[in-house]
Every structure is written in structure tokens, then in C-alpha cells.
């Protein structure tokens, strides 16, 4: 199967423990961020530099200097959903208190990416009076995530 549905890709969040900052959460600690989520967008930022070399023909070559990977989420807020509640509870926090563990599993279920991340642009409960409450956030890893095969 060459194409996969976006809904098959899984996004998980877990609390970040400052006392054990390098210890990844257990499978049970991760909460699936999916209920009432309508749209997930790749928010990866790349810092690049164009350089032309004398051993070439003068055409600039683009070099990627850094990658800051992450995703944004949009949907409806469910106050009882554990993943959304974890994120909503970070709304009025700053600095390291905005950190979570973030794991993404590919749509084919074979590869996972995991690392500590920062949650920003949190909206949990806004919109028109006749609409369901909105939920939005952006989650970006603070370093390149560790890539592993899913067992």
C-alpha cells in the first residue's frame, strides 16, 4: 500500500518530569492526542544557508543548518480527554513548565519519533456561541527526536 490516511499517524503526549528530564515515559503514561482533532499540520522549521564554492560552477548550494520539528493541532475541545486536558492545563504556564514528552508514530506503524517538546499557541475553549469549543496547540520538539523502530 503506497498511500496512507493521515488518521493512521498517531500523536502522543505525556507529562514532563523535571527531576527525571531524560527518562522517557512508559507506554501507559502517554496519552493519544486524537479525539475531536480535525487537522494536524507539519510545523517543521528549517534554518538554511546558501553558499557557492570555488570548486563548483558558482551555483549556490543550500545547506540545512538546523531543523526544529513539530506539529500543530486543530479541533474541538473535550474537557474529559486526558491528552487535551494535559495541554489545556499548560495554558498559563511559561518556560520549562510548558514542556511535555511528545511521540509520533508513522501511519504504517513501523517508526516512532520521540523527545521532549514545548507546547505553544494553546487554545482550549473559544469560538462562536453556537459552535463547539475550539482546541488548538503547536507542539515542537526541543531537539531532534529519537527515531526508533516500533516493536
Protein backbone atom coordinates (compact mmCIF):
# COMPACT_ATOMS: atom_id res chain seq x y z
CA UNK A 1 0.00 0.00 0.00
CA UNK A 2 1.68 3.19 -1.18
CA UNK A 3 -0.67 5.77 0.36
CA UNK A 4 -1.72 6.05 3.99
CA UNK A 5 -4.52 8.03 5.62
CA UNK A 6 -3.35 10.83 7.92
CA UNK A 7 -5.56 9.45 10.71
CA UNK A 8 -3.31 6.37 10.89
CA UNK A 9 -0.40 8.52 12.14
CA UNK A 10 -0.54 8.70 15.95
CA UNK A 11 0.48 11.63 18.18
CA UNK A 12 1.03 11.08 21.90
CA UNK A 13 1.80 13.44 24.80
CA UNK A 14 2.96 12.70 28.34
CA UNK A 15 3.86 14.88 31.33
CA UNK A 16 7.45 16.10 31.60
CA UNK A 17 9.18 15.44 34.92
CA UNK A 18 11.99 17.94 35.60
CA UNK A 19 13.52 15.57 38.17
CA UNK A 20 13.82 12.84 35.51
CA UNK A 21 14.26 15.02 32.43
CA UNK A 22 15.98 12.36 30.30
CA UNK A 23 13.73 9.44 31.23
CA UNK A 24 11.12 8.78 28.55
CA UNK A 25 7.61 7.97 29.76
CA UNK A 26 6.18 4.47 29.75
CA UNK A 27 3.64 3.45 27.14
CA UNK A 28 0.92 3.79 29.80
CA UNK A 29 1.91 7.39 30.60
CA UNK A 30 1.48 8.54 27.01
CA UNK A 31 -1.98 9.86 26.05
CA UNK A 32 -3.22 9.79 22.45
CA UNK A 33 -3.97 13.28 21.10
CA UNK A 34 -6.69 12.42 18.59
CA UNK A 35 -10.23 12.80 19.95
CA UNK A 36 -12.09 15.56 18.06
CA UNK A 37 -8.86 16.62 16.32
CA UNK A 38 -9.77 17.56 12.74
CA UNK A 39 -6.46 18.82 11.36
CA UNK A 40 -2.79 18.17 12.04
CA UNK A 41 -0.17 20.26 10.21
CA UNK A 42 3.58 19.78 10.00
CA UNK A 43 5.15 22.89 11.54
CA UNK A 44 8.79 21.99 10.93
CA UNK A 45 11.14 24.97 10.60
CA UNK A 46 14.49 24.70 8.82
CA UNK A 47 17.35 27.18 9.05
CA UNK A 48 19.27 27.16 5.78
CA UNK A 49 22.27 28.89 4.26
CA UNK A 50 23.14 29.29 0.57
CA UNK A 51 26.83 29.09 -0.29
CA UNK A 52 28.64 28.90 -3.63
CA UNK A 53 32.00 27.10 -3.74
CA UNK A 54 35.01 27.77 -5.96
CA UNK A 55 35.29 24.07 -6.77
CA UNK A 56 31.82 24.23 -8.34
CA UNK A 57 30.35 26.42 -11.06
CA UNK A 58 29.28 29.26 -8.76
CA UNK A 59 25.74 28.00 -8.27
CA UNK A 60 24.75 28.40 -4.61
CA UNK A 61 24.23 25.17 -2.68
CA UNK A 62 21.63 25.14 0.06
CA UNK A 63 22.81 23.73 3.39
CA UNK A 64 20.34 22.88 6.14
CA UNK A 65 21.89 24.15 9.39
CA UNK A 66 19.13 23.16 11.80
CA UNK A 67 15.70 21.54 11.94
CA UNK A 68 13.04 22.33 14.53
CA UNK A 69 10.32 19.75 14.03
CA UNK A 70 6.76 19.76 15.30
CA UNK A 71 3.05 19.73 14.54
CA UNK A 72 0.01 21.94 15.09
CA UNK A 73 -3.38 20.53 16.06
CA UNK A 74 -6.88 21.92 15.50
CA UNK A 75 -10.26 20.56 16.51
CA UNK A 76 -12.83 20.67 19.28
CA UNK A 77 -12.06 20.76 22.99
CA UNK A 78 -13.07 17.78 25.12
CA UNK A 79 -12.57 18.62 28.80
CA UNK A 80 -12.52 14.90 29.67
CA UNK A 81 -9.87 13.87 27.13
CA UNK A 82 -6.61 13.22 29.03
CA UNK A 83 -4.29 14.46 26.26
CA UNK A 84 -6.25 17.67 25.69
CA UNK A 85 -6.52 18.27 29.45
CA UNK A 86 -2.74 17.87 29.86
CA UNK A 87 -2.20 20.53 27.19
CA UNK A 88 -5.01 22.84 28.38
CA UNK A 89 -3.51 22.82 31.88
CA UNK A 90 -0.31 24.36 30.41
CA UNK A 91 -2.10 27.47 29.04
CA UNK A 92 -0.96 29.86 31.73
CA UNK A 93 2.50 28.39 32.32
CA UNK A 94 5.83 29.62 30.97
CA UNK A 95 9.35 28.31 30.38
CA UNK A 96 10.09 24.70 31.28
CA UNK A 97 6.58 24.34 32.68
CA UNK A 98 5.38 24.18 29.04
CA UNK A 99 7.42 21.03 28.37
CA UNK A 100 5.89 17.63 27.61
CA UNK A 101 7.12 14.39 26.11
CA UNK A 102 5.91 14.08 22.51
CA UNK A 103 5.88 10.93 20.41
CA UNK A 104 4.73 10.45 16.82
CA UNK A 105 4.18 7.01 15.27
CA UNK A 106 4.16 6.79 11.47
CA UNK A 107 0.97 5.91 9.61
CA UNK A 108 2.33 2.44 8.79
CA UNK A 109 3.03 1.85 12.50
CA UNK A 110 6.68 0.97 11.88
CA UNK A 111 8.59 4.09 13.02
CA UNK A 112 8.37 6.36 16.07
CA UNK A 113 9.95 9.74 16.85
CA UNK A 114 10.16 10.81 20.49
CA UNK A 115 11.66 13.66 22.54
CA UNK A 116 10.85 16.45 24.95
CA UNK A 117 8.81 19.23 23.35
CA UNK A 118 7.36 22.67 24.06
CA UNK A 119 3.62 23.33 23.72
CA UNK A 120 2.63 26.78 22.45
CA UNK A 121 -0.33 28.64 20.93
CA UNK A 122 -2.73 26.78 23.23
CA UNK A 123 -6.45 27.45 22.80
CA UNK A 124 -8.85 25.32 24.81
CA UNK A 125 -12.36 26.67 24.73
CA UNK A 126 -13.06 29.54 22.36
CA UNK A 127 -15.21 30.23 19.31
CA UNK A 128 -18.70 31.35 18.35
CA UNK A 129 -21.57 30.86 20.81
CA UNK A 130 -23.28 28.29 18.58
CA UNK A 131 -20.10 26.28 17.94
CA UNK A 132 -18.40 23.60 19.97
CA UNK A 133 -15.37 24.86 21.90
CA UNK A 134 -12.18 25.02 19.84
CA UNK A 135 -8.92 23.29 20.69
CA UNK A 136 -5.58 24.29 19.16
CA UNK A 137 -1.92 23.96 20.00
CA UNK A 138 1.51 23.64 18.46
CA UNK A 139 3.99 21.07 19.77
CA UNK A 140 7.65 21.34 18.74
CA UNK A 141 10.50 19.13 19.88
CA UNK A 142 13.29 20.98 21.72
CA UNK A 143 15.89 18.77 19.99
CA UNK A 144 15.85 16.37 17.09
CA UNK A 145 13.60 13.48 18.13
CA UNK A 146 15.00 9.99 18.60
CA UNK A 147 13.85 7.74 15.76
CA UNK A 148 13.15 4.10 16.63
CA UNK A 149 11.52 1.07 15.06
CA UNK A 150 8.16 0.21 16.63
CA UNK A 151 8.17 -3.29 18.07
